[in-house]
Protein backbone atom coordinates (compact mmCIF):
# COMPACT_ATOMS: atom_id res chain seq x y z
CA MET A 1 85.32 134.52 222.91
CA LYS A 2 89.02 134.92 223.58
CA GLU A 3 91.63 135.17 220.79
CA LYS A 4 94.60 133.07 220.62
CA LEU A 5 93.24 130.42 222.88
CA THR A 6 95.72 128.34 224.85
CA PHE A 7 95.22 124.69 225.65
CA LEU A 8 97.08 121.95 227.51
CA GLY A 9 96.38 118.63 225.87
CA ILE A 10 96.89 115.04 227.52
CA GLU A 11 97.17 111.86 225.57
CA THR A 12 97.51 108.29 226.82
CA SER A 13 95.36 106.07 224.66
CA CYS A 14 98.02 103.41 224.21
CA ASP A 15 101.63 103.33 225.31
CA GLU A 16 102.77 107.00 224.97
CA THR A 17 102.42 109.31 227.88
CA ALA A 18 102.35 112.71 226.36
CA ALA A 19 101.41 116.40 227.17
CA ALA A 20 101.45 119.34 225.10
CA VAL A 21 100.73 123.04 225.16
CA VAL A 22 99.46 124.76 221.98
CA ARG A 23 98.47 128.21 221.41
CA GLU A 24 96.18 129.60 218.48
CA LYS A 25 97.71 132.17 216.15
CA ALA A 26 96.02 135.01 214.70
CA ASP A 27 95.88 133.40 211.03
CA GLY A 28 93.99 130.28 212.48
CA THR A 29 96.89 127.96 212.77
CA GLY A 30 98.43 126.68 215.97
CA GLU A 31 101.73 127.27 217.67
CA ILE A 32 103.13 124.34 219.66
CA LEU A 33 104.60 125.62 222.89
CA SER A 34 105.63 122.24 224.09
CA ASN A 35 105.10 118.85 222.80
CA ILE A 36 106.47 116.06 225.35
CA VAL A 37 105.99 112.44 224.58
CA SER A 38 107.42 109.66 226.90
CA SER A 39 107.61 106.16 224.96
CA GLN A 40 107.46 102.82 226.71
CA ILE A 41 109.39 100.80 224.15
CA GLU A 42 111.68 99.33 226.78
CA GLU A 43 108.63 98.27 229.08
CA HIS A 44 106.91 96.09 226.23
CA LYS A 45 109.94 95.00 224.30
CA GLU A 46 110.35 91.59 225.84
CA PHE A 47 106.72 90.86 225.26
CA GLY A 48 106.78 91.91 221.59
CA GLY A 49 103.85 94.21 222.05
CA VAL A 50 101.95 96.51 224.14
CA VAL A 51 100.70 94.94 227.66
CA PRO A 52 97.75 97.10 228.69
CA GLU A 53 98.33 96.79 232.47
CA ILE A 54 102.03 97.54 232.29
CA ALA A 55 101.12 100.66 230.01
CA ALA A 56 98.60 101.85 232.29
CA ARG A 57 101.27 101.48 235.30
CA ALA A 58 103.74 103.54 233.44
CA HIS A 59 101.17 106.18 232.67
CA VAL A 60 100.53 106.61 236.51
CA GLU A 61 104.13 106.88 237.20
CA LYS A 62 104.86 109.35 234.49
CA ILE A 63 101.84 111.48 233.82
CA GLU A 64 102.40 114.38 236.46
CA PHE A 65 106.00 114.78 235.39
CA ILE A 66 105.28 114.89 231.83
CA ILE A 67 102.37 117.35 232.25
CA ASN A 68 104.72 119.68 234.55
CA LYS A 69 107.49 119.42 231.97
CA ALA A 70 105.13 120.50 229.16
CA LEU A 71 104.08 123.47 231.20
CA LYS A 72 107.81 124.33 231.84
CA GLU A 73 109.11 123.96 228.50
CA SER A 74 105.97 126.35 227.42
CA GLY A 75 107.00 128.79 229.67
CA LEU A 76 103.43 129.02 231.16
CA SER A 77 101.65 128.05 234.24
CA PHE A 78 98.13 126.60 234.62
CA ASN A 79 96.82 130.12 235.16
CA ASN A 80 97.90 130.87 231.53
CA ILE A 81 96.00 127.95 230.10
CA ASP A 82 92.55 128.63 228.60
CA GLY A 83 91.04 125.06 228.81
CA ILE A 84 92.21 121.32 229.18
CA SER A 85 91.77 118.55 226.53
CA ALA A 86 92.26 114.87 227.00
CA THR A 87 91.89 111.74 224.91
CA ALA A 88 88.67 109.85 226.04
CA GLY A 89 89.00 107.08 223.14
CA PRO A 90 89.17 105.00 221.30
CA GLY A 91 92.10 103.08 222.94
CA LEU A 92 92.94 100.85 225.81
CA ILE A 93 90.62 101.64 228.40
CA VAL A 94 93.17 101.15 231.44
CA CYS A 95 95.34 103.55 229.63
CA LEU A 96 92.89 106.21 228.65
CA THR A 97 91.69 106.39 232.04
CA VAL A 98 95.14 107.74 233.43
CA GLY A 99 95.16 110.79 231.25
CA LEU A 100 91.38 111.45 231.11
CA ASN A 101 91.26 111.29 235.07
CA ALA A 102 94.43 113.72 235.07
CA GLY A 103 92.46 116.14 232.64
CA LYS A 104 89.50 116.07 234.61
CA ALA A 105 91.15 116.74 237.86
CA ILE A 106 92.95 119.60 236.48
CA ALA A 107 90.12 121.23 234.73
CA GLY A 108 88.03 120.53 237.64
CA SER A 109 90.33 122.06 240.37
CA LEU A 110 91.19 125.24 238.17
CA GLN A 111 87.52 125.59 237.01
CA LYS A 112 88.65 125.57 233.38
CA PRO A 113 86.83 124.20 230.46
CA PHE A 114 87.35 120.48 229.59
CA VAL A 115 87.24 118.82 226.26
CA ALA A 116 87.03 115.08 225.92
CA VAL A 117 88.92 114.50 222.61
CA ASN A 118 88.25 111.61 220.01
CA HIS A 119 91.89 110.44 219.51
CA LEU A 120 90.94 109.85 215.70
CA GLU A 121 89.67 113.58 215.33
CA GLY A 122 93.17 114.37 216.80
CA HIS A 123 94.69 113.02 213.97
CA ALA A 124 92.30 114.42 211.57
CA LEU A 125 92.59 117.82 212.47
CA SER A 126 96.34 117.65 213.08
CA PRO A 127 97.47 119.09 209.72
CA LYS A 128 95.55 122.16 210.44
CA ILE A 129 98.17 123.08 213.22
CA ASN A 130 100.69 123.94 210.73
CA LYS A 131 98.83 124.65 207.65
CA LYS A 132 95.63 126.68 206.75
CA ILE A 133 93.24 124.22 205.37
CA LYS A 134 89.57 124.71 204.63
CA PHE A 135 86.91 121.87 205.07
CA PRO A 136 86.19 119.51 203.42
CA TYR A 137 88.89 117.23 202.68
CA LEU A 138 89.54 113.71 202.26
CA LEU A 139 91.54 112.06 204.93
CA LEU A 140 93.45 108.64 205.00
CA LEU A 141 94.06 107.73 208.58
CA ILE A 142 96.78 104.98 208.95
CA SER A 143 98.05 104.08 212.28
CA GLY A 144 98.78 101.18 214.56
CA GLY A 145 95.14 100.63 215.43
CA HIS A 146 93.16 102.24 212.60
CA THR A 147 92.90 102.57 208.80
CA GLN A 148 90.25 104.61 207.39
CA PHE A 149 89.36 106.63 204.51
CA LEU A 150 87.12 109.67 205.99
CA GLU A 151 85.32 112.68 204.37
CA VAL A 152 86.23 115.47 206.79
CA ASN A 153 83.53 117.90 206.39
CA GLY A 154 84.28 119.95 209.54
CA VAL A 155 85.04 119.78 213.29
CA ASN A 156 82.72 116.86 214.75
CA SER A 157 81.57 116.21 211.11
CA TYR A 158 82.60 113.16 209.47
CA LYS A 159 81.51 110.48 206.76
CA ARG A 160 83.56 107.26 206.53
CA LEU A 161 84.13 106.07 203.07
CA GLY A 162 86.11 102.86 203.85
CA THR A 163 87.88 101.18 206.59
CA THR A 164 90.01 97.91 207.24
CA ILE A 165 87.83 94.97 208.02
CA ASP A 166 90.45 93.18 209.95
CA ASP A 167 93.94 94.39 210.84
CA ALA A 168 95.00 97.99 210.92
CA LEU A 169 97.94 98.80 208.55
CA GLY A 170 100.31 99.95 211.36
CA GLU A 171 99.52 96.47 213.03
CA ALA A 172 100.33 94.51 209.77
CA PHE A 173 103.59 96.41 209.64
CA ASP A 174 104.40 95.38 213.38
CA LYS A 175 103.29 91.83 212.89
CA THR A 176 105.48 91.45 209.66
CA ALA A 177 108.48 92.82 211.22
CA LYS A 178 107.88 90.50 214.47
CA LEU A 179 107.88 87.52 211.78
CA LEU A 180 111.23 88.82 210.36
CA GLY A 181 112.73 88.81 213.76
CA ILE A 182 112.66 92.58 214.16
CA GLU A 183 112.43 93.77 217.77
CA PHE A 184 109.07 95.66 218.88
CA PRO A 185 108.40 97.99 217.60
CA GLY A 186 109.43 97.13 214.45
CA GLY A 187 107.04 98.87 211.74
CA ALA A 188 109.56 101.50 211.04
CA LYS A 189 112.42 99.05 210.46
CA ILE A 190 110.53 97.54 207.63
CA GLU A 191 111.13 100.41 205.36
CA GLU A 192 114.95 100.27 206.23
CA TRP A 193 115.07 96.67 205.43
CA ALA A 194 112.87 97.06 202.15
CA LYS A 195 115.60 99.38 200.71
CA LYS A 196 118.13 96.33 200.91
CA GLY A 197 115.67 93.80 199.24
CA ASP A 198 114.24 92.89 195.82
CA GLU A 199 110.34 94.11 196.13
CA ASN A 200 109.61 91.75 193.17
CA TYR A 201 111.26 88.50 194.83
CA PHE A 202 107.98 87.31 196.53
CA LYS A 203 104.49 87.64 195.27
CA LEU A 204 102.05 88.32 197.79
CA PRO A 205 98.21 88.52 197.83
CA LYS A 206 96.19 91.84 197.90
CA PRO A 207 93.00 91.00 199.68
CA ILE A 208 89.59 92.62 198.28
CA LEU A 209 91.75 94.80 195.97
CA ASN A 210 88.96 95.01 193.33
CA THR A 211 86.02 94.58 195.31
CA GLY A 212 84.54 96.12 198.73
CA GLY A 213 84.95 99.98 197.28
CA CYS A 214 87.52 101.48 199.48
CA ASN A 215 87.37 98.99 202.28
CA LEU A 216 90.73 97.26 202.94
CA SER A 217 91.91 93.99 204.38
CA PHE A 218 95.34 93.12 205.32
CA SER A 219 94.81 89.54 207.08
CA GLY A 220 95.50 87.42 204.06
CA LEU A 221 98.60 89.27 203.37
CA LYS A 222 99.95 88.87 206.89
CA THR A 223 98.95 85.08 206.82
CA ALA A 224 101.16 84.94 203.45
CA VAL A 225 104.06 86.69 205.24
CA LEU A 226 103.81 84.17 207.99
CA LYS A 227 103.84 81.13 205.85
CA ILE A 228 106.76 82.49 203.84
CA SER A 229 108.73 83.64 207.00
CA LYS A 230 108.94 79.94 207.99
CA LYS A 231 111.13 78.89 205.02
CA LEU A 232 113.22 81.99 204.86
CA LYS A 233 117.01 80.64 204.31
CA ASN A 234 119.23 83.69 205.05
CA GLN A 235 118.89 87.57 206.01
CA SER A 236 118.94 88.52 202.13
CA GLU A 237 115.56 86.72 201.70
CA LYS A 238 114.16 88.75 204.93
CA TYR A 239 115.23 91.91 203.07
CA HIS A 240 113.41 90.67 199.97
CA LEU A 241 110.41 89.87 201.93
CA ALA A 242 110.29 93.22 203.66
CA SER A 243 110.65 94.97 200.45
CA SER A 244 108.04 92.43 198.76
CA PHE A 245 105.52 93.47 201.65
CA GLN A 246 106.11 97.24 201.46
CA LYS A 247 105.59 97.09 197.67
CA THR A 248 102.43 95.04 198.14
CA ILE A 249 100.99 97.72 200.71
CA ASN A 250 101.83 100.35 198.34
CA GLU A 251 99.90 98.83 195.60
CA ILE A 252 96.99 98.30 198.00
CA LEU A 253 96.88 101.83 199.01
CA TYR A 254 97.49 103.00 195.50
CA ASN A 255 94.44 101.23 194.15
CA LYS A 256 92.15 101.85 197.18
CA THR A 257 92.92 105.44 197.43
CA LYS A 258 92.14 105.99 193.91
CA VAL A 259 88.77 104.37 194.63
CA ALA A 260 88.23 106.56 197.64
CA MET A 261 89.16 109.75 195.87
CA ASP A 262 86.63 108.97 193.24
CA GLU A 263 83.87 108.23 195.93
CA TYR A 264 84.82 111.53 197.64
CA LEU A 265 84.30 113.45 194.21
CA LYS A 266 80.66 111.98 194.06
CA ASN A 267 79.72 114.49 196.45
CA LYS A 268 79.32 117.82 194.48
CA LYS A 269 79.95 119.87 197.13
CA ASN A 270 83.60 118.50 197.47
CA LYS A 271 85.11 120.91 195.04
CA GLN A 272 88.52 121.44 196.83
CA LYS A 273 90.82 118.50 196.29
CA TYR A 274 92.70 118.32 199.54
CA PHE A 275 93.96 114.83 200.50
CA VAL A 276 95.46 114.45 204.18
CA ILE A 277 97.30 111.36 205.20
CA ALA A 278 97.76 111.35 209.14
CA GLY A 279 98.78 108.65 211.55
CA GLY A 280 101.71 106.78 212.77
CA VAL A 281 102.23 105.02 209.29
CA ALA A 282 102.18 108.38 207.33
CA SER A 283 105.86 108.60 208.45
CA ASN A 284 106.89 105.80 206.09
CA LEU A 285 108.67 107.59 203.22
CA SER A 286 107.97 105.03 200.75
CA ILE A 287 104.04 105.42 201.49
CA ARG A 288 104.39 108.87 201.27
CA GLU A 289 106.16 109.04 197.82
CA ASN A 290 103.36 106.49 196.65
CA LEU A 291 100.42 108.72 197.48
CA ASN A 292 102.11 111.78 196.59
CA ASN A 293 102.36 110.39 193.08
CA LEU A 294 98.71 109.20 192.85
CA ALA A 295 97.67 112.69 194.28
CA LYS A 296 99.44 114.55 191.46
CA GLU A 297 97.89 112.11 188.99
CA LYS A 298 94.40 112.51 190.53
CA LYS A 299 95.08 116.50 190.76
CA PHE A 300 94.74 116.36 194.58
CA THR A 301 96.79 118.40 196.67
CA SER A 302 98.51 115.86 199.22
CA ILE A 303 99.12 117.11 202.82
CA PHE A 304 101.09 115.35 205.68
CA PRO A 305 101.42 116.64 208.90
CA PRO A 306 105.25 116.88 210.29
CA VAL A 307 106.54 113.51 211.36
CA ASN A 308 106.48 114.22 214.89
CA LEU A 309 102.78 114.92 214.49
CA CYS A 310 101.91 111.54 212.84
CA SER A 311 102.52 109.24 215.66
CA ASP A 312 100.53 109.62 218.94
CA ASN A 313 101.17 113.00 220.48
CA ALA A 314 99.21 115.61 222.83
CA ALA A 315 99.96 118.52 220.63
CA MET A 316 96.93 117.38 218.28
CA ILE A 317 94.87 116.62 221.31
CA ALA A 318 95.38 120.13 222.61
CA TRP A 319 94.60 121.57 218.93
CA ALA A 320 91.45 119.48 218.87
CA GLY A 321 90.29 120.86 222.14
CA ILE A 322 90.87 124.35 220.81
CA GLU A 323 88.68 123.60 217.69
CA ARG A 324 86.08 122.06 219.47
CA PHE A 325 85.83 124.70 222.39
CA LYS A 326 85.36 127.28 219.60
CA MET A 327 82.32 125.37 218.60
CA ASN A 328 81.11 125.15 222.12
CA LEU A 329 81.74 121.63 222.30
CA THR A 330 82.78 121.02 225.79
CA ASN A 331 82.17 118.32 228.24
CA ASN A 332 81.41 117.67 231.97
CA LEU A 333 83.79 115.60 234.17
CA GLU A 334 81.62 112.68 234.07
CA PHE A 335 82.62 112.10 230.46
CA PRO A 336 83.80 108.19 230.19
CA SER A 337 86.57 106.60 228.36
CA LYS A 338 85.54 104.64 225.26
CA ALA A 339 87.53 101.61 223.77
CA ARG A 340 85.85 102.09 220.77
CA TRP A 341 84.33 105.38 219.29
CA PRO A 342 84.09 105.81 215.53
CA LEU A 343 84.22 109.35 214.18
CA ASP A 344 81.29 108.43 211.81
CA SER A 345 78.61 106.94 214.34
CA SER A 346 76.47 106.10 211.58
CA ALA A 347 79.06 104.10 209.61
CA PRO A 348 78.49 100.08 210.10
CA PHE A 349 80.93 98.22 211.96
CA LEU A 350 82.94 96.07 209.66
CA LYS A 351 85.19 93.68 211.48
CA GLY A 352 84.70 89.83 212.13
CA PRO A 353 83.99 86.65 210.18
CA GLY A 354 81.04 86.65 207.73
CA LEU A 355 81.53 89.86 205.78
CA LYS A 356 80.95 89.50 202.21
CA PHE A 357 82.03 92.13 199.32
């Protein structure tokens, strides 16, 4: 197999149109030759959230330009690319289809290998672009659509230890921001407002904090924020609520991550104590500090991808393509897009009414 593989990655799972070119380095890490991300904030701002049809239309309008821009910035042509990888799921079907079809068309026309990538695996493997990390490691994936603890045993080998039974953490941040009157996307603004408030001003619930293993729940917290938000008298109280919300999230993550670490170490094969935190919410500096402190306490080494690789991007999709290609995990051009695609297919589906812990 050729050394120093170079892949074009394409990502359109939600509201970012992204393309990147990544090359494998001799030491096993990756060199990002280009990483282009086109956001759709303006398109969705007036609706307070992502509208799938509008997002898909924007992808169609931008995808060719973004791919060409990624190639131009990398200094390469299609002839220099060894393979194409594109996100096939999970995500919004109408959005996934745009990038997936573009990737298939390029791979088919150039007769290049094609890899359909699970968006979650892109996040799971993203720290390996910049840092040499051996398997296994514990992963906390915290993003707008997903919140999971996973035992990462290798490429295409994952064991879910815990998951949210309702809202994802990023969704809880965005909904709280909306209740505070912050424009979409407001999750990142919560951190800014939290610095101006008193984190002990409001006492908020921590659902299933001491039950359910390392599964998480944010729905009850969101409901409490909704009730309080209707009674806020001034801007200072909004700052207090943002601060109290963020403190509560940190307390939940601290407690549940402790449980996940203990669960991870129950497997005697897991001798190396690496703790990877990935996904868009991993950009929150307060959460980083909280989890860093816990990792030191539990003698884990905490690893965060660079901030530009935390949110949705195509560099992680290109890298996952390289990693999968090296294991002969390529796909034919009939591979479908998937709205739901768990990394651990044997794990039970834990969402909806009737769940008991």
